[in-house]
Amino acid sequence: MQHSLLIVSGQEKFETLVKNSLEEKKMMSVETRHSAASARRALLERYFDLVLINAPLPDENGVALALDAAENRQMAVLLAVP
């Protein structure tokens, strides 16, 4: 069973690095979102095993999104602050 990852990042270089690394090794299916609002919609539509948030996001700091995903959806969340 392949795990799923949602990357939320406003930095294309960061998301490309993570996504390419994991997909090359066929470790996870990866989706990316560039705003907290878009990420919230994705979280409502499906379950992800891991949510990786590269904060600060362009529209908010990412902390509220991380807490929401972890508390309400019981997903593992990694908040990366550059």
Protein backbone atom coordinates (compact mmCIF):
# COMPACT_ATOMS: atom_id res chain seq x y z
CA MET A 1 0.00 0.00 0.00
CA GLN A 2 1.44 3.35 -1.04
CA HIS A 3 1.20 6.21 1.42
CA SER A 4 0.09 9.71 0.50
CA LEU A 5 1.70 13.06 1.20
CA LEU A 6 0.32 16.58 0.88
CA ILE A 7 2.97 19.28 0.51
CA VAL A 8 1.82 22.81 1.30
CA SER A 9 4.44 25.30 0.22
CA GLY A 10 4.80 28.66 -1.44
CA GLN A 11 8.33 27.78 -2.48
CA GLU A 12 8.52 25.80 -5.71
CA LYS A 13 12.14 24.74 -5.12
CA PHE A 14 11.25 23.11 -1.78
CA GLU A 15 8.24 21.19 -3.08
CA THR A 16 10.07 20.03 -6.21
CA LEU A 17 12.98 18.68 -4.17
CA VAL A 18 10.73 16.72 -1.79
CA LYS A 19 8.31 15.51 -4.45
CA ASN A 20 10.98 14.31 -6.87
CA SER A 21 12.90 12.52 -4.14
CA LEU A 22 9.88 10.58 -2.87
CA GLU A 23 8.29 9.82 -6.23
CA GLU A 24 11.54 8.56 -7.73
CA LYS A 25 11.76 5.99 -4.96
CA LYS A 26 8.03 5.22 -5.31
CA MET A 27 7.66 5.80 -1.59
CA MET A 28 4.56 8.03 -1.62
CA SER A 29 2.01 9.58 -3.88
CA VAL A 30 2.50 13.32 -3.58
CA GLU A 31 0.14 16.26 -4.08
CA THR A 32 1.11 19.89 -3.69
CA ARG A 33 -0.85 22.99 -2.78
CA HIS A 34 0.37 26.59 -2.71
CA SER A 35 -2.02 28.15 -0.21
CA ALA A 36 -3.63 27.20 3.06
CA ALA A 37 -7.11 27.59 1.54
CA SER A 38 -6.30 25.16 -1.25
CA ALA A 39 -4.73 22.75 1.22
CA ARG A 40 -7.84 22.82 3.42
CA ARG A 41 -9.97 21.88 0.40
CA ALA A 42 -7.64 18.97 -0.39
CA LEU A 43 -7.79 17.80 3.23
CA LEU A 44 -11.59 17.80 3.11
CA GLU A 45 -11.62 15.81 -0.12
CA ARG A 46 -9.27 12.99 0.89
CA TYR A 47 -7.06 11.53 3.58
CA PHE A 48 -3.28 11.99 3.55
CA ASP A 49 -0.88 9.96 5.68
CA LEU A 50 1.40 12.96 6.09
CA VAL A 51 0.98 16.70 5.63
CA LEU A 52 4.24 18.61 5.12
CA ILE A 53 3.83 22.36 5.56
CA ASN A 54 6.68 24.61 4.55
CA ALA A 55 5.87 27.79 6.51
CA PRO A 56 5.45 30.67 6.23
CA LEU A 57 2.83 30.31 3.54
CA PRO A 58 2.06 33.29 1.33
CA ASP A 59 -1.44 33.73 2.78
CA GLU A 60 -0.90 32.70 6.41
CA ASN A 61 1.84 31.28 8.63
CA GLY A 62 0.84 27.61 8.30
CA VAL A 63 0.59 26.92 12.02
CA ALA A 64 -3.22 27.08 12.06
CA LEU A 65 -3.38 24.71 9.10
CA ALA A 66 -1.01 22.28 10.80
CA LEU A 67 -3.03 22.28 14.01
CA ASP A 68 -6.28 21.84 12.11
CA ALA A 69 -4.96 18.89 10.10
CA ALA A 70 -3.46 17.19 13.14
CA GLU A 71 -6.39 17.71 15.51
CA ASN A 72 -9.40 17.26 13.27
CA ARG A 73 -8.15 14.70 10.81
CA GLN A 74 -5.63 12.83 12.94
CA MET A 75 -2.92 13.00 10.30
CA ALA A 76 0.79 13.23 10.88
CA VAL A 77 1.92 16.80 10.28
CA LEU A 78 5.44 18.14 9.78
CA LEU A 79 5.80 21.91 9.96
CA ALA A 80 9.06 23.04 8.33
CA VAL A 81 9.95 26.63 9.16
CA PRO A 82 12.73 28.05 6.96
